[in-house]
N, C-alpha and C. Protein backbone atom coordinates (compact mmCIF):
# COMPACT_ATOMS: atom_id res chain seq x y z
N MET A 1 0.81 -1.19 0.00
CA MET A 1 0.00 0.00 0.00
C MET A 1 0.86 1.26 0.00
N ASP A 2 1.96 1.21 0.80
CA ASP A 2 2.84 2.38 0.83
C ASP A 2 3.47 2.62 -0.54
N ASN A 3 3.74 1.53 -1.24
CA ASN A 3 4.32 1.67 -2.58
C ASN A 3 3.35 2.34 -3.53
N LEU A 4 2.06 2.05 -3.37
CA LEU A 4 1.04 2.65 -4.23
C LEU A 4 0.99 4.16 -4.00
N TYR A 5 1.03 4.58 -2.73
CA TYR A 5 1.02 6.01 -2.43
C TYR A 5 2.28 6.69 -2.98
N THR A 6 3.37 6.02 -2.85
CA THR A 6 4.63 6.57 -3.35
C THR A 6 4.57 6.73 -4.86
N VAL A 7 4.03 5.74 -5.54
CA VAL A 7 3.91 5.81 -7.00
C VAL A 7 2.95 6.93 -7.39
N LEU A 8 1.82 7.04 -6.71
CA LEU A 8 0.85 8.10 -7.02
C LEU A 8 1.44 9.49 -6.77
N ILE A 9 2.08 9.65 -5.66
CA ILE A 9 2.69 10.95 -5.34
C ILE A 9 3.76 11.29 -6.35
N THR A 10 4.54 10.31 -6.73
CA THR A 10 5.59 10.53 -7.73
C THR A 10 4.97 10.91 -9.07
N ALA A 11 3.92 10.22 -9.47
CA ALA A 11 3.25 10.51 -10.75
C ALA A 11 2.66 11.91 -10.75
N VAL A 12 2.01 12.29 -9.67
CA VAL A 12 1.42 13.63 -9.57
C VAL A 12 2.53 14.69 -9.60
N THR A 13 3.61 14.42 -8.91
CA THR A 13 4.72 15.36 -8.89
C THR A 13 5.32 15.53 -10.28
N VAL A 14 5.52 14.44 -10.98
CA VAL A 14 6.10 14.50 -12.33
C VAL A 14 5.17 15.24 -13.27
N LEU A 15 3.90 14.90 -13.23
CA LEU A 15 2.93 15.58 -14.10
C LEU A 15 2.83 17.07 -13.76
N GLY A 16 2.83 17.37 -12.48
CA GLY A 16 2.78 18.77 -12.05
C GLY A 16 4.03 19.53 -12.47
N SER A 17 5.17 18.89 -12.39
CA SER A 17 6.42 19.53 -12.78
C SER A 17 6.44 19.79 -14.28
N ALA A 18 5.96 18.83 -15.06
CA ALA A 18 5.93 19.00 -16.52
C ALA A 18 4.99 20.14 -16.89
N SER A 19 3.84 20.21 -16.23
CA SER A 19 2.90 21.30 -16.51
C SER A 19 3.48 22.65 -16.12
N ALA A 20 4.12 22.69 -14.96
CA ALA A 20 4.74 23.93 -14.51
C ALA A 20 5.84 24.35 -15.47
N PHE A 21 6.63 23.39 -15.93
CA PHE A 21 7.70 23.71 -16.87
C PHE A 21 7.13 24.28 -18.17
N ARG A 22 6.08 23.68 -18.71
CA ARG A 22 5.45 24.18 -19.94
C ARG A 22 4.88 25.58 -19.72
N PHE A 23 4.28 25.79 -18.54
CA PHE A 23 3.73 27.12 -18.22
C PHE A 23 4.83 28.17 -18.23
N TYR A 24 5.93 27.92 -17.54
CA TYR A 24 7.01 28.90 -17.47
C TYR A 24 7.71 29.06 -18.83
N GLU A 25 7.75 27.97 -19.58
CA GLU A 25 8.33 28.04 -20.92
C GLU A 25 7.50 28.96 -21.81
N ARG A 26 6.18 28.83 -21.78
CA ARG A 26 5.29 29.71 -22.56
C ARG A 26 5.40 31.14 -22.08
N LYS A 27 5.49 31.31 -20.77
CA LYS A 27 5.60 32.66 -20.21
C LYS A 27 6.88 33.34 -20.68
N MET A 28 7.98 32.62 -20.69
CA MET A 28 9.25 33.18 -21.15
C MET A 28 9.20 33.49 -22.65
N GLU A 29 8.57 32.63 -23.43
CA GLU A 29 8.43 32.85 -24.88
C GLU A 29 7.61 34.12 -25.14
N LYS A 30 6.54 34.28 -24.39
CA LYS A 30 5.70 35.49 -24.53
C LYS A 30 6.51 36.74 -24.18
N LYS A 31 7.30 36.65 -23.14
CA LYS A 31 8.12 37.79 -22.73
C LYS A 31 9.14 38.11 -23.82
N ARG A 32 9.74 37.11 -24.41
CA ARG A 32 10.71 37.30 -25.50
C ARG A 32 10.06 37.96 -26.70
N GLU A 33 8.85 37.49 -27.05
CA GLU A 33 8.12 38.08 -28.17
C GLU A 33 7.80 39.55 -27.91
N ASP A 34 7.39 39.86 -26.68
CA ASP A 34 7.11 41.25 -26.33
C ASP A 34 8.35 42.12 -26.45
N GLU A 35 9.50 41.60 -26.02
CA GLU A 35 10.74 42.36 -26.13
C GLU A 35 11.11 42.61 -27.59
N PHE A 36 10.93 41.60 -28.43
CA PHE A 36 11.22 41.78 -29.86
C PHE A 36 10.27 42.81 -30.47
N GLN A 37 9.01 42.75 -30.10
CA GLN A 37 8.03 43.70 -30.63
C GLN A 37 8.41 45.11 -30.20
N TYR A 38 8.83 45.27 -28.95
CA TYR A 38 9.26 46.59 -28.46
C TYR A 38 10.46 47.09 -29.25
N ARG A 39 11.41 46.21 -29.52
CA ARG A 39 12.59 46.59 -30.30
C ARG A 39 12.20 47.03 -31.70
N TYR A 40 11.32 46.27 -32.34
CA TYR A 40 10.90 46.62 -33.70
C TYR A 40 10.16 47.96 -33.71
N ASP A 41 9.31 48.18 -32.71
CA ASP A 41 8.61 49.47 -32.61
C ASP A 41 9.61 50.61 -32.44
N CYS A 42 10.59 50.41 -31.58
CA CYS A 42 11.60 51.45 -31.36
C CYS A 42 12.40 51.70 -32.64
N ARG A 43 12.75 50.65 -33.32
CA ARG A 43 13.52 50.79 -34.57
C ARG A 43 12.72 51.59 -35.61
N ASP A 44 11.44 51.30 -35.71
CA ASP A 44 10.58 52.03 -36.66
C ASP A 44 10.48 53.50 -36.28
N ARG A 45 10.29 53.76 -34.99
CA ARG A 45 10.18 55.15 -34.53
C ARG A 45 11.48 55.91 -34.78
N ILE A 46 12.61 55.26 -34.53
CA ILE A 46 13.90 55.91 -34.76
C ILE A 46 14.08 56.24 -36.23
N THR A 47 13.70 55.31 -37.10
CA THR A 47 13.81 55.55 -38.54
C THR A 47 12.95 56.74 -38.95
N LYS A 48 11.73 56.80 -38.45
CA LYS A 48 10.85 57.93 -38.77
C LYS A 48 11.41 59.25 -38.24
N LEU A 49 11.93 59.22 -37.03
CA LEU A 49 12.48 60.45 -36.44
C LEU A 49 13.72 60.92 -37.21
N GLU A 50 14.54 59.98 -37.65
CA GLU A 50 15.71 60.36 -38.45
C GLU A 50 15.29 60.99 -39.76
N ALA A 51 14.25 60.45 -40.39
CA ALA A 51 13.75 61.02 -41.65
C ALA A 51 13.21 62.43 -41.42
N LEU A 52 12.47 62.61 -40.33
CA LEU A 52 11.94 63.94 -40.01
C LEU A 52 13.07 64.93 -39.73
N LEU A 53 14.09 64.48 -39.03
CA LEU A 53 15.22 65.35 -38.72
C LEU A 53 15.94 65.78 -39.99
N GLU A 54 16.14 64.85 -40.90
CA GLU A 54 16.81 65.17 -42.16
C GLU A 54 15.96 66.14 -42.98
N GLU A 55 14.65 65.91 -43.01
CA GLU A 55 13.76 66.78 -43.76
C GLU A 55 13.76 68.20 -43.17
N SER A 56 13.72 68.30 -41.85
CA SER A 56 13.72 69.63 -41.23
C SER A 56 15.06 70.32 -41.43
N SER A 57 16.14 69.57 -41.49
CA SER A 57 17.45 70.15 -41.75
C SER A 57 17.50 70.74 -43.15
N LYS A 58 16.97 70.02 -44.14
CA LYS A 58 16.92 70.53 -45.51
C LYS A 58 16.05 71.78 -45.59
N GLU A 59 14.91 71.73 -44.90
CA GLU A 59 14.01 72.88 -44.90
C GLU A 59 14.69 74.09 -44.25
N LYS A 60 15.43 73.86 -43.19
CA LYS A 60 16.13 74.95 -42.52
C LYS A 60 17.17 75.57 -43.45
N ASP A 61 17.89 74.73 -44.19
CA ASP A 61 18.89 75.24 -45.13
C ASP A 61 18.23 76.07 -46.23
N GLU A 62 17.08 75.60 -46.73
CA GLU A 62 16.36 76.35 -47.76
C GLU A 62 15.89 77.70 -47.22
N LEU A 63 15.36 77.71 -46.01
CA LEU A 63 14.92 78.96 -45.41
C LEU A 63 16.09 79.92 -45.18
N ARG A 64 17.24 79.38 -44.80
CA ARG A 64 18.43 80.21 -44.60
C ARG A 64 18.83 80.86 -45.92
N LYS A 65 18.79 80.10 -47.03
CA LYS A 65 19.11 80.66 -48.34
C LYS A 65 18.12 81.75 -48.73
N MET A 66 16.85 81.51 -48.42
CA MET A 66 15.84 82.53 -48.72
C MET A 66 16.10 83.81 -47.95
N VAL A 67 16.45 83.69 -46.69
CA VAL A 67 16.74 84.88 -45.87
C VAL A 67 17.94 85.62 -46.43
N LEU A 68 18.97 84.88 -46.84
CA LEU A 68 20.14 85.54 -47.43
C LEU A 68 19.77 86.26 -48.72
N ASN A 69 18.97 85.63 -49.56
CA ASN A 69 18.54 86.28 -50.81
C ASN A 69 17.71 87.53 -50.53
N LEU A 70 16.82 87.44 -49.56
CA LEU A 70 16.01 88.60 -49.19
C LEU A 70 16.88 89.72 -48.62
N SER A 71 17.89 89.36 -47.86
CA SER A 71 18.81 90.38 -47.32
C SER A 71 19.55 91.09 -48.43
N VAL A 72 19.98 90.34 -49.44
CA VAL A 72 20.67 90.94 -50.58
C VAL A 72 19.72 91.87 -51.34
N GLU A 73 18.49 91.42 -51.57
CA GLU A 73 17.50 92.26 -52.25
C GLU A 73 17.20 93.52 -51.45
N LEU A 74 17.08 93.38 -50.14
CA LEU A 74 16.83 94.54 -49.29
C LEU A 74 17.97 95.54 -49.38
N ALA A 75 19.20 95.05 -49.33
CA ALA A 75 20.36 95.95 -49.43
C ALA A 75 20.37 96.65 -50.79
N THR A 76 20.02 95.93 -51.84
CA THR A 76 19.96 96.52 -53.18
C THR A 76 18.89 97.60 -53.24
N LEU A 77 17.73 97.32 -52.71
CA LEU A 77 16.64 98.30 -52.72
C LEU A 77 16.99 99.53 -51.89
N ARG A 78 17.63 99.35 -50.76
CA ARG A 78 18.06 100.50 -49.94
C ARG A 78 19.04 101.38 -50.71
N THR A 79 19.95 100.72 -51.40
CA THR A 79 20.92 101.48 -52.19
C THR A 79 20.21 102.27 -53.28
N LYS A 80 19.26 101.65 -53.96
CA LYS A 80 18.51 102.35 -55.01
C LYS A 80 17.73 103.52 -54.45
N ILE A 81 17.11 103.31 -53.29
CA ILE A 81 16.35 104.39 -52.65
C ILE A 81 17.27 105.55 -52.30
N GLU A 82 18.43 105.25 -51.74
CA GLU A 82 19.39 106.30 -51.40
C GLU A 82 19.83 107.06 -52.64
N LEU A 83 20.07 106.35 -53.72
CA LEU A 83 20.47 107.01 -54.97
C LEU A 83 19.36 107.88 -55.52
N LEU A 84 18.13 107.40 -55.46
CA LEU A 84 16.99 108.20 -55.93
C LEU A 84 16.80 109.43 -55.06
N GLU A 85 16.94 109.27 -53.74
CA GLU A 85 16.79 110.43 -52.85
C GLU A 85 17.90 111.45 -53.09
N ASN A 86 19.12 110.99 -53.37
CA ASN A 86 20.24 111.89 -53.61
C ASN A 86 20.07 112.62 -54.94
N THR A 87 19.49 112.00 -55.92
CA THR A 87 19.31 112.66 -57.24
C THR A 87 18.19 113.69 -57.17
N LYS A 88 17.22 113.55 -56.26
CA LYS A 88 16.14 114.50 -56.12
C LYS A 88 16.62 115.78 -55.46
N LYS A 89 17.64 115.72 -54.68
CA LYS A 89 18.12 116.90 -53.93
C LYS A 89 18.86 117.81 -54.78
């Protein structure tokens, strides 16, 4: 009779251990998948942010050129105005 209890307890323990192992194995796999998903999301966001940064840098350079061109035009117009005012006197 004692042998029967020992066998039953051993069987329950083995089955319980196998179930627990599968549970923790699935839990670890889910955690790994979540980490990979987080990495992929971060990689995508970084790529988008780099593209936005490059685009804004190009836009800033274009605006800087426009300001320089406008400054040159303003200086030219001021010179013309001064010449016109001097010829009227």
